[in-house]
């Protein structure tokens, strides 16, 4: 059975996710703070809403794909959205936010008779376009099962625990991504400076223990200095800050995350790289080593 879905946030990730939902035959209403980013979806079958509160009216499922937890909270509770959602509907927050924020949002929505899943994603714009996102969901198992038909249009969804667990899994994912980008950058520079063939290097490692999507995709971007944003540096830093915030709450130290986080800060503050793809950490490494850092954005 098709559902009536409202999607709030049609940026780099939200736009292709909306297209996957439309392709699966769902009724879709979209809203974005900048209406021009939602406008292309009108010709593809989506209804454009003038406000977030208007978008969620009568929707069975509300997907939020927004920048951070503060913005999610603002849109849900300070723009009339929560009040406009029908009791029994499900909010699926696919933004990357702090686990504590997800739990707080779920509690507030529950008091209004609204179900909630925190379901952040990994896979970037490519995964969003092909419907192959890794979706890490936290929340009640029955709510998750009931939302399966919505989630499957966008990727592979797995419930990883109660409310907040999806965001915790995403933080762990982003810790791995950030650290791996740093490792691939250093390996790429090492091979390049030593006179190796970078294409052959990645091919040689393919299928081996050190192989990864980051090596193959981001390594290629580093080689060609192609840092057009798919996953922005600013968003990667936000996620790493959230990782460290959660670690402090748990009373643990994550030294590798701390180190790579500081390098992303330097990339933004000293090299004006906040709007580049997060693979542009390679630019910061080149700068440390006194090499040319001019990226092709």
C-alpha atoms as a PDB file:
ATOM      1  CA  UNK A   1       0.000   0.000   0.000  1.00  0.00           C
ATOM      2  CA  UNK A   2       1.353   3.423  -0.941  1.00  0.00           C
ATOM      3  CA  UNK A   3       1.685   6.003   1.779  1.00  0.00           C
ATOM      4  CA  UNK A   4       1.453   9.768   1.982  1.00  0.00           C
ATOM      5  CA  UNK A   5       4.897  11.123   2.758  1.00  0.00           C
ATOM      6  CA  UNK A   6       6.164  14.595   3.602  1.00  0.00           C
ATOM      7  CA  UNK A   7       9.867  15.207   3.161  1.00  0.00           C
ATOM      8  CA  UNK A   8      11.339  18.248   4.866  1.00  0.00           C
ATOM      9  CA  UNK A   9      14.743  19.217   3.471  1.00  0.00           C
ATOM     10  CA  UNK A  10      15.618  18.739  -0.211  1.00  0.00           C
ATOM     11  CA  UNK A  11      19.315  19.565  -0.196  1.00  0.00           C
ATOM     12  CA  UNK A  12      22.178  17.450  -1.529  1.00  0.00           C
ATOM     13  CA  UNK A  13      20.785  14.286   0.053  1.00  0.00           C
ATOM     14  CA  UNK A  14      17.091  15.085   0.357  1.00  0.00           C
ATOM     15  CA  UNK A  15      16.575  15.778  -3.340  1.00  0.00           C
ATOM     16  CA  UNK A  16      17.693  12.358  -4.645  1.00  0.00           C
ATOM     17  CA  UNK A  17      15.953  10.645  -1.716  1.00  0.00           C
ATOM     18  CA  UNK A  18      12.733  12.373  -2.755  1.00  0.00           C
ATOM     19  CA  UNK A  19      13.211  11.082  -6.284  1.00  0.00           C
ATOM     20  CA  UNK A  20      13.581   7.527  -5.009  1.00  0.00           C
ATOM     21  CA  UNK A  21      10.316   7.855  -3.076  1.00  0.00           C
ATOM     22  CA  UNK A  22       8.525   9.189  -6.144  1.00  0.00           C
ATOM     23  CA  UNK A  23       9.973   6.372  -8.231  1.00  0.00           C
ATOM     24  CA  UNK A  24       8.544   3.849  -5.769  1.00  0.00           C
ATOM     25  CA  UNK A  25       5.068   5.291  -6.330  1.00  0.00           C
ATOM     26  CA  UNK A  26       4.613   7.114  -3.044  1.00  0.00           C
ATOM     27  CA  UNK A  27       2.551  10.276  -2.746  1.00  0.00           C
ATOM     28  CA  UNK A  28       5.082  12.912  -1.784  1.00  0.00           C
ATOM     29  CA  UNK A  29       4.900  16.473  -0.516  1.00  0.00           C
ATOM     30  CA  UNK A  30       8.179  18.345  -0.157  1.00  0.00           C
ATOM     31  CA  UNK A  31       9.332  21.478   1.600  1.00  0.00           C
ATOM     32  CA  UNK A  32      12.656  23.243   1.774  1.00  0.00           C
ATOM     33  CA  UNK A  33      13.633  26.513   3.427  1.00  0.00           C
ATOM     34  CA  UNK A  34      14.969  27.618   0.033  1.00  0.00           C
ATOM     35  CA  UNK A  35      12.022  26.779  -2.270  1.00  0.00           C
ATOM     36  CA  UNK A  36      14.242  26.714  -5.359  1.00  0.00           C
ATOM     37  CA  UNK A  37      15.874  23.506  -4.105  1.00  0.00           C
ATOM     38  CA  UNK A  38      12.507  21.743  -3.991  1.00  0.00           C
ATOM     39  CA  UNK A  39      11.134  23.238  -7.223  1.00  0.00           C
ATOM     40  CA  UNK A  40      12.580  20.605  -9.630  1.00  0.00           C
ATOM     41  CA  UNK A  41      10.494  17.925  -7.920  1.00  0.00           C
ATOM     42  CA  UNK A  42       7.203  19.511  -8.967  1.00  0.00           C
ATOM     43  CA  UNK A  43       7.607  18.311 -12.551  1.00  0.00           C
ATOM     44  CA  UNK A  44       8.408  14.815 -11.255  1.00  0.00           C
ATOM     45  CA  UNK A  45       5.151  14.375  -9.344  1.00  0.00           C
ATOM     46  CA  UNK A  46       5.778  15.903  -5.928  1.00  0.00           C
ATOM     47  CA  UNK A  47       3.537  18.511  -4.353  1.00  0.00           C
ATOM     48  CA  UNK A  48       5.383  21.599  -3.183  1.00  0.00           C
ATOM     49  CA  UNK A  49       4.353  23.022   0.186  1.00  0.00           C
ATOM     50  CA  UNK A  50       4.684  26.646   1.142  1.00  0.00           C
ATOM     51  CA  UNK A  51       5.585  25.807   4.730  1.00  0.00           C
ATOM     52  CA  UNK A  52       6.812  22.836   6.704  1.00  0.00           C
ATOM     53  CA  UNK A  53       3.553  22.728   8.676  1.00  0.00           C
ATOM     54  CA  UNK A  54       1.541  22.645   5.451  1.00  0.00           C
ATOM     55  CA  UNK A  55       3.703  19.812   4.106  1.00  0.00           C
ATOM     56  CA  UNK A  56       3.021  17.428   6.998  1.00  0.00           C
ATOM     57  CA  UNK A  57      -0.763  17.861   7.085  1.00  0.00           C
ATOM     58  CA  UNK A  58      -2.411  14.442   6.562  1.00  0.00           C
ATOM     59  CA  UNK A  59       0.936  12.708   5.946  1.00  0.00           C
ATOM     60  CA  UNK A  60       1.344   9.176   7.286  1.00  0.00           C
ATOM     61  CA  UNK A  61       5.130   9.503   7.370  1.00  0.00           C
ATOM     62  CA  UNK A  62       7.232  12.631   7.795  1.00  0.00           C
ATOM     63  CA  UNK A  63      10.892  12.442   6.788  1.00  0.00           C
ATOM     64  CA  UNK A  64      13.285  15.113   8.006  1.00  0.00           C
ATOM     65  CA  UNK A  65      16.634  15.518   6.241  1.00  0.00           C
ATOM     66  CA  UNK A  66      18.049  18.663   7.816  1.00  0.00           C
ATOM     67  CA  UNK A  67      21.462  20.015   8.757  1.00  0.00           C
ATOM     68  CA  UNK A  68      21.658  19.293  12.487  1.00  0.00           C
ATOM     69  CA  UNK A  69      19.693  18.543  15.629  1.00  0.00           C
ATOM     70  CA  UNK A  70      19.058  22.178  16.502  1.00  0.00           C
ATOM     71  CA  UNK A  71      17.445  22.791  13.123  1.00  0.00           C
ATOM     72  CA  UNK A  72      15.444  19.557  13.353  1.00  0.00           C
ATOM     73  CA  UNK A  73      14.134  20.628  16.755  1.00  0.00           C
ATOM     74  CA  UNK A  74      13.329  24.106  15.477  1.00  0.00           C
ATOM     75  CA  UNK A  75      11.421  22.837  12.437  1.00  0.00           C
ATOM     76  CA  UNK A  76       9.488  20.212  14.418  1.00  0.00           C
ATOM     77  CA  UNK A  77       8.551  22.241  17.457  1.00  0.00           C
ATOM     78  CA  UNK A  78       8.844  25.935  16.625  1.00  0.00           C
ATOM     79  CA  UNK A  79       7.257  26.188  13.178  1.00  0.00           C
ATOM     80  CA  UNK A  80       3.977  24.419  13.887  1.00  0.00           C
ATOM     81  CA  UNK A  81       5.016  21.090  12.387  1.00  0.00           C
ATOM     82  CA  UNK A  82       4.440  18.848  15.413  1.00  0.00           C
ATOM     83  CA  UNK A  83       1.037  20.404  16.000  1.00  0.00           C
ATOM     84  CA  UNK A  84       0.086  19.806  12.360  1.00  0.00           C
ATOM     85  CA  UNK A  85       1.059  16.116  12.313  1.00  0.00           C
ATOM     86  CA  UNK A  86      -1.824  13.691  12.688  1.00  0.00           C
ATOM     87  CA  UNK A  87      -1.684  11.405  15.742  1.00  0.00           C
ATOM     88  CA  UNK A  88      -0.544   7.944  14.667  1.00  0.00           C
ATOM     89  CA  UNK A  89       1.803   9.294  11.985  1.00  0.00           C
ATOM     90  CA  UNK A  90       5.516   8.493  12.085  1.00  0.00           C
ATOM     91  CA  UNK A  91       8.372  10.978  12.002  1.00  0.00           C
ATOM     92  CA  UNK A  92      11.497   9.458  10.450  1.00  0.00           C
ATOM     93  CA  UNK A  93      14.442  11.730  11.180  1.00  0.00           C
ATOM     94  CA  UNK A  94      17.133  10.856   8.662  1.00  0.00           C
ATOM     95  CA  UNK A  95      19.321  13.815   9.621  1.00  0.00           C
ATOM     96  CA  UNK A  96      22.572  13.230  11.493  1.00  0.00           C
ATOM     97  CA  UNK A  97      22.105  14.591  15.015  1.00  0.00           C
ATOM     98  CA  UNK A  98      23.121  13.771  18.578  1.00  0.00           C
ATOM     99  CA  UNK A  99      21.542  10.664  20.162  1.00  0.00           C
ATOM    100  CA  UNK A 100      20.349  12.743  23.108  1.00  0.00           C
ATOM    101  CA  UNK A 101      18.532  15.080  20.725  1.00  0.00           C
ATOM    102  CA  UNK A 102      16.868  12.136  18.995  1.00  0.00           C
ATOM    103  CA  UNK A 103      15.660  10.797  22.335  1.00  0.00           C
ATOM    104  CA  UNK A 104      14.343  14.214  23.351  1.00  0.00           C
ATOM    105  CA  UNK A 105      12.496  14.665  20.057  1.00  0.00           C
ATOM    106  CA  UNK A 106      10.983  11.186  20.338  1.00  0.00           C
ATOM    107  CA  UNK A 107       9.738  11.871  23.848  1.00  0.00           C
ATOM    108  CA  UNK A 108       8.084  15.149  22.868  1.00  0.00           C
ATOM    109  CA  UNK A 109       6.430  13.601  19.816  1.00  0.00           C
ATOM    110  CA  UNK A 110       5.221  10.615  21.807  1.00  0.00           C
ATOM    111  CA  UNK A 111       3.239  12.938  24.062  1.00  0.00           C
ATOM    112  CA  UNK A 112       1.366  14.076  20.948  1.00  0.00           C
ATOM    113  CA  UNK A 113       0.632  10.502  19.847  1.00  0.00           C
ATOM    114  CA  UNK A 114       3.258  10.620  17.095  1.00  0.00           C
ATOM    115  CA  UNK A 115       5.701   7.768  16.482  1.00  0.00           C
ATOM    116  CA  UNK A 116       9.395   8.402  15.857  1.00  0.00           C
ATOM    117  CA  UNK A 117      12.425   6.731  14.323  1.00  0.00           C
ATOM    118  CA  UNK A 118      15.928   8.144  14.182  1.00  0.00           C
ATOM    119  CA  UNK A 119      17.262   6.775  10.906  1.00  0.00           C
ATOM    120  CA  UNK A 120      20.447   8.515   9.698  1.00  0.00           C
ATOM    121  CA  UNK A 121      22.091   7.321   6.520  1.00  0.00           C
ATOM    122  CA  UNK A 122      25.477   6.606   4.994  1.00  0.00           C
ATOM    123  CA  UNK A 123      26.351   6.365   1.329  1.00  0.00           C
ATOM    124  CA  UNK A 124      26.464   9.971   0.199  1.00  0.00           C
ATOM    125  CA  UNK A 125      24.705  11.451  -2.771  1.00  0.00           C
ATOM    126  CA  UNK A 126      25.608   8.432  -4.897  1.00  0.00           C
ATOM    127  CA  UNK A 127      23.805   6.085  -2.520  1.00  0.00           C
ATOM    128  CA  UNK A 128      20.848   8.454  -2.351  1.00  0.00           C
ATOM    129  CA  UNK A 129      20.588   8.540  -6.143  1.00  0.00           C
ATOM    130  CA  UNK A 130      20.732   4.758  -6.552  1.00  0.00           C
ATOM    131  CA  UNK A 131      18.625   3.879  -3.508  1.00  0.00           C
ATOM    132  CA  UNK A 132      21.470   2.008  -1.833  1.00  0.00           C
ATOM    133  CA  UNK A 133      21.872   4.038   1.343  1.00  0.00           C
ATOM    134  CA  UNK A 134      22.818   2.280   4.559  1.00  0.00           C
ATOM    135  CA  UNK A 135      20.040   3.287   6.948  1.00  0.00           C
ATOM    136  CA  UNK A 136      20.696   2.868  10.678  1.00  0.00           C
ATOM    137  CA  UNK A 137      17.413   3.032  12.567  1.00  0.00           C
ATOM    138  CA  UNK A 138      16.654   3.466  16.238  1.00  0.00           C
ATOM    139  CA  UNK A 139      13.217   3.125  17.751  1.00  0.00           C
ATOM    140  CA  UNK A 140      10.410   0.718  18.534  1.00  0.00           C
ATOM    141  CA  UNK A 141      10.607  -2.483  16.484  1.00  0.00           C
ATOM    142  CA  UNK A 142       6.943  -2.339  15.427  1.00  0.00           C
ATOM    143  CA  UNK A 143       7.267   1.264  14.295  1.00  0.00           C
ATOM    144  CA  UNK A 144      10.340   0.265  12.315  1.00  0.00           C
ATOM    145  CA  UNK A 145       8.530  -2.668  10.697  1.00  0.00           C
ATOM    146  CA  UNK A 146       5.599  -0.454   9.760  1.00  0.00           C
ATOM    147  CA  UNK A 147       7.940   2.034   8.078  1.00  0.00           C
ATOM    148  CA  UNK A 148       9.791  -0.621   6.068  1.00  0.00           C
ATOM    149  CA  UNK A 149       7.953   0.183   2.834  1.00  0.00           C
ATOM    150  CA  UNK A 150       9.087   3.799   3.034  1.00  0.00           C
ATOM    151  CA  UNK A 151      12.672   3.075   3.974  1.00  0.00           C
ATOM    152  CA  UNK A 152      13.256   0.378   1.360  1.00  0.00           C
ATOM    153  CA  UNK A 153      12.799   2.904  -1.454  1.00  0.00           C
ATOM    154  CA  UNK A 154      15.924   4.689  -0.259  1.00  0.00           C
ATOM    155  CA  UNK A 155      18.227   1.892   0.796  1.00  0.00           C
ATOM    156  CA  UNK A 156      18.906  -0.985   3.174  1.00  0.00           C
ATOM    157  CA  UNK A 157      17.482  -0.281   6.614  1.00  0.00           C
ATOM    158  CA  UNK A 158      18.480  -2.126   9.765  1.00  0.00           C
ATOM    159  CA  UNK A 159      17.139  -1.431  13.237  1.00  0.00           C
ATOM    160  CA  UNK A 160      20.166  -1.183  15.519  1.00  0.00           C
ATOM    161  CA  UNK A 161      18.394  -0.630  18.838  1.00  0.00           C
ATOM    162  CA  UNK A 162      16.048   1.692  20.731  1.00  0.00           C
ATOM    163  CA  UNK A 163      15.590   5.412  20.149  1.00  0.00           C
ATOM    164  CA  UNK A 164      18.939   7.138  19.720  1.00  0.00           C
ATOM    165  CA  UNK A 165      20.742   3.973  18.630  1.00  0.00           C
ATOM    166  CA  UNK A 166      20.501   4.926  14.963  1.00  0.00           C
ATOM    167  CA  UNK A 167      22.278   8.191  15.658  1.00  0.00           C
ATOM    168  CA  UNK A 168      24.889   6.415  17.757  1.00  0.00           C
ATOM    169  CA  UNK A 169      25.581   4.029  14.867  1.00  0.00           C
ATOM    170  CA  UNK A 170      25.863   6.985  12.485  1.00  0.00           C
ATOM    171  CA  UNK A 171      28.361   8.671  14.795  1.00  0.00           C
ATOM    172  CA  UNK A 172      30.431   5.491  14.780  1.00  0.00           C
ATOM    173  CA  UNK A 173      30.140   5.433  10.991  1.00  0.00           C
ATOM    174  CA  UNK A 174      31.338   9.027  10.723  1.00  0.00           C
ATOM    175  CA  UNK A 175      34.248   8.329  13.043  1.00  0.00           C
ATOM    176  CA  UNK A 176      35.330   5.527  10.712  1.00  0.00           C
ATOM    177  CA  UNK A 177      34.800   7.694   7.616  1.00  0.00           C
ATOM    178  CA  UNK A 178      36.777  10.651   8.977  1.00  0.00           C
ATOM    179  CA  UNK A 179      39.684   8.540  10.156  1.00  0.00           C
ATOM    180  CA  UNK A 180      39.709   6.503   6.926  1.00  0.00           C
ATOM    181  CA  UNK A 181      39.790   9.668   4.796  1.00  0.00           C
ATOM    182  CA  UNK A 182      42.857  10.748   6.750  1.00  0.00           C
ATOM    183  CA  UNK A 183      44.506   7.355   6.227  1.00  0.00           C
ATOM    184  CA  UNK A 184      43.721   7.295   2.491  1.00  0.00           C
ATOM    185  CA  UNK A 185      45.054  10.840   2.105  1.00  0.00           C
ATOM    186  CA  UNK A 186      48.362   9.886   3.703  1.00  0.00           C
ATOM    187  CA  UNK A 187      48.631   6.678   1.664  1.00  0.00           C
ATOM    188  CA  UNK A 188      47.859   8.593  -1.530  1.00  0.00           C
ATOM    189  CA  UNK A 189      50.525  11.187  -0.809  1.00  0.00           C
ATOM    190  CA  UNK A 190      53.070   8.498   0.120  1.00  0.00           C
ATOM    191  CA  UNK A 191      52.585   6.568  -3.116  1.00  0.00           C
ATOM    192  CA  UNK A 192      52.456   9.702  -5.249  1.00  0.00           C
ATOM    193  CA  UNK A 193      55.602  11.223  -3.767  1.00  0.00           C
ATOM    194  CA  UNK A 194      57.400   7.918  -4.157  1.00  0.00           C
ATOM    195  CA  UNK A 195      56.658   7.828  -7.883  1.00  0.00           C
ATOM    196  CA  UNK A 196      53.957   5.159  -7.802  1.00  0.00           C
ATOM    197  CA  UNK A 197      51.007   4.939 -10.196  1.00  0.00           C
ATOM    198  CA  UNK A 198      47.942   5.842  -8.101  1.00  0.00           C
ATOM    199  CA  UNK A 199      45.457   4.094 -10.406  1.00  0.00           C
ATOM    200  CA  UNK A 200      47.522   0.924 -10.261  1.00  0.00           C
ATOM    201  CA  UNK A 201      47.961   1.312  -6.499  1.00  0.00           C
ATOM    202  CA  UNK A 202      44.207   1.311  -5.899  1.00  0.00           C
ATOM    203  CA  UNK A 203      43.717  -1.550  -8.323  1.00  0.00           C
ATOM    204  CA  UNK A 204      46.395  -3.579  -6.537  1.00  0.00           C
ATOM    205  CA  UNK A 205      44.644  -3.109  -3.182  1.00  0.00           C
ATOM    206  CA  UNK A 206      41.164  -3.889  -4.549  1.00  0.00           C
ATOM    207  CA  UNK A 207      39.675  -6.838  -2.711  1.00  0.00           C
ATOM    208  CA  UNK A 208      42.436  -6.856  -0.135  1.00  0.00           C
ATOM    209  CA  UNK A 209      42.282  -6.146   3.565  1.00  0.00           C
ATOM    210  CA  UNK A 210      42.921  -2.413   3.114  1.00  0.00           C
ATOM    211  CA  UNK A 211      40.389  -1.948   0.324  1.00  0.00           C
ATOM    212  CA  UNK A 212      37.368   0.273   0.912  1.00  0.00           C
ATOM    213  CA  UNK A 213      34.923   2.573  -0.812  1.00  0.00           C
ATOM    214  CA  UNK A 214      36.871   5.479   0.641  1.00  0.00           C
ATOM    215  CA  UNK A 215      40.113   4.202  -0.887  1.00  0.00           C
ATOM    216  CA  UNK A 216      38.572   3.694  -4.323  1.00  0.00           C
ATOM    217  CA  UNK A 217      36.236   6.701  -4.516  1.00  0.00           C
ATOM    218  CA  UNK A 218      37.919   9.289  -2.352  1.00  0.00           C
ATOM    219  CA  UNK A 219      41.379   8.183  -3.428  1.00  0.00           C
ATOM    220  CA  UNK A 220      40.403   8.927  -7.022  1.00  0.00           C
ATOM    221  CA  UNK A 221      39.089  12.349  -6.009  1.00  0.00           C
ATOM    222  CA  UNK A 222      42.343  13.103  -4.203  1.00  0.00           C
ATOM    223  CA  UNK A 223      44.354  12.049  -7.237  1.00  0.00           C
ATOM    224  CA  UNK A 224      42.427  14.355  -9.581  1.00  0.00           C
ATOM    225  CA  UNK A 225      41.831  17.133  -7.030  1.00  0.00           C
ATOM    226  CA  UNK A 226      38.089  16.794  -7.631  1.00  0.00           C
ATOM    227  CA  UNK A 227      36.568  18.141  -4.430  1.00  0.00           C
ATOM    228  CA  UNK A 228      33.141  19.210  -5.646  1.00  0.00           C
ATOM    229  CA  UNK A 229      30.918  18.656  -2.600  1.00  0.00           C
ATOM    230  CA  UNK A 230      29.116  15.341  -2.210  1.00  0.00           C
ATOM    231  CA  UNK A 231      29.654  15.195   1.545  1.00  0.00           C
ATOM    232  CA  UNK A 232      30.733  18.621   2.764  1.00  0.00           C
ATOM    233  CA  UNK A 233      33.699  19.229   5.052  1.00  0.00           C
ATOM    234  CA  UNK A 234      31.474  21.357   7.302  1.00  0.00           C
ATOM    235  CA  UNK A 235      29.045  18.469   7.771  1.00  0.00           C
ATOM    236  CA  UNK A 236      31.863  16.000   8.457  1.00  0.00           C
ATOM    237  CA  UNK A 237      33.184  18.324  11.158  1.00  0.00           C
ATOM    238  CA  UNK A 238      29.721  18.655  12.676  1.00  0.00           C
ATOM    239  CA  UNK A 239      29.475  14.871  12.861  1.00  0.00           C
ATOM    240  CA  UNK A 240      32.914  14.498  14.440  1.00  0.00           C
ATOM    241  CA  UNK A 241      32.012  17.142  17.015  1.00  0.00           C
ATOM    242  CA  UNK A 242      28.907  15.100  17.808  1.00  0.00           C
ATOM    243  CA  UNK A 243      31.038  11.948  18.144  1.00  0.00           C
ATOM    244  CA  UNK A 244      33.276  13.668  20.682  1.00  0.00           C
ATOM    245  CA  UNK A 245      30.302  15.130  22.538  1.00  0.00           C
ATOM    246  CA  UNK A 246      28.796  11.672  22.902  1.00  0.00           C
ATOM    247  CA  UNK A 247      32.170  10.255  23.959  1.00  0.00           C
ATOM    248  CA  UNK A 248      32.390  12.839  26.725  1.00  0.00           C
ATOM    249  CA  UNK A 249      28.896  11.864  27.889  1.00  0.00           C
ATOM    250  CA  UNK A 250      30.063   8.240  28.037  1.00  0.00           C
ATOM    251  CA  UNK A 251      33.315   9.142  29.806  1.00  0.00           C
ATOM    252  CA  UNK A 252      35.601   7.793  27.089  1.00  0.00           C
ATOM    253  CA  UNK A 253      38.489   9.186  25.005  1.00  0.00           C
ATOM    254  CA  UNK A 254      38.714   8.777  21.221  1.00  0.00           C
ATOM    255  CA  UNK A 255      42.186  10.060  20.294  1.00  0.00           C
ATOM    256  CA  UNK A 256      42.030   9.274  16.567  1.00  0.00           C
ATOM    257  CA  UNK A 257      38.725  11.115  16.231  1.00  0.00           C
ATOM    258  CA  UNK A 258      40.159  14.065  18.144  1.00  0.00           C
ATOM    259  CA  UNK A 259      43.185  14.225  15.847  1.00  0.00           C
ATOM    260  CA  UNK A 260      41.269  14.048  12.570  1.00  0.00           C
ATOM    261  CA  UNK A 261      38.673  16.485  13.881  1.00  0.00           C
ATOM    262  CA  UNK A 262      41.390  19.070  14.479  1.00  0.00           C
ATOM    263  CA  UNK A 263      42.584  18.637  10.909  1.00  0.00           C
ATOM    264  CA  UNK A 264      39.106  19.268   9.512  1.00  0.00           C
ATOM    265  CA  UNK A 265      38.965  22.409  11.672  1.00  0.00           C
ATOM    266  CA  UNK A 266      42.247  23.566  10.145  1.00  0.00           C
ATOM    267  CA  UNK A 267      40.937  22.801   6.639  1.00  0.00           C
ATOM    268  CA  UNK A 268      38.004  25.127   7.309  1.00  0.00           C
ATOM    269  CA  UNK A 269      39.683  27.870   9.321  1.00  0.00           C
ATOM    270  CA  UNK A 270      43.032  28.147   7.550  1.00  0.00           C
ATOM    271  CA  UNK A 271      42.240  26.907   4.035  1.00  0.00           C
ATOM    272  CA  UNK A 272      38.607  27.994   3.606  1.00  0.00           C
ATOM    273  CA  UNK A 273      37.574  24.432   2.769  1.00  0.00           C
ATOM    274  CA  UNK A 274      34.227  24.162   4.537  1.00  0.00           C
ATOM    275  CA  UNK A 275      32.198  23.817   1.337  1.00  0.00           C
ATOM    276  CA  UNK A 276      34.490  21.264  -0.306  1.00  0.00           C
ATOM    277  CA  UNK A 277      33.950  17.503  -0.291  1.00  0.00           C
ATOM    278  CA  UNK A 278      35.316  15.864   2.843  1.00  0.00           C
ATOM    279  CA  UNK A 279      37.906  14.068   0.721  1.00  0.00           C
ATOM    280  CA  UNK A 280      39.542  17.521   0.577  1.00  0.00           C
ATOM    281  CA  UNK A 281      41.292  16.636   3.818  1.00  0.00           C
ATOM    282  CA  UNK A 282      43.966  15.763   1.269  1.00  0.00           C
ATOM    283  CA  UNK A 283      44.322  19.517   0.648  1.00  0.00           C
ATOM    284  CA  UNK A 284      45.135  20.055   4.314  1.00  0.00           C
ATOM    285  CA  UNK A 285      47.727  17.266   4.144  1.00  0.00           C
ATOM    286  CA  UNK A 286      49.324  18.836   1.088  1.00  0.00           C
ATOM    287  CA  UNK A 287      49.487  22.151   2.918  1.00  0.00           C
ATOM    288  CA  UNK A 288      51.216  20.557   5.916  1.00  0.00           C
ATOM    289  CA  UNK A 289      53.795  19.177   3.494  1.00  0.00           C
ATOM    290  CA  UNK A 290      54.300  22.417   1.582  1.00  0.00           C
ATOM    291  CA  UNK A 291      52.751  21.062  -1.606  1.00  0.00           C
ATOM    292  CA  UNK A 292      50.311  22.825  -3.965  1.00  0.00           C
ATOM    293  CA  UNK A 293      46.834  22.885  -2.459  1.00  0.00           C
ATOM    294  CA  UNK A 294      44.751  24.371  -5.272  1.00  0.00           C
ATOM    295  CA  UNK A 295      41.623  22.178  -5.488  1.00  0.00           C
ATOM    296  CA  UNK A 296      39.262  21.779  -8.439  1.00  0.00           C
ATOM    297  CA  UNK A 297      35.863  22.423  -6.855  1.00  0.00           C
END
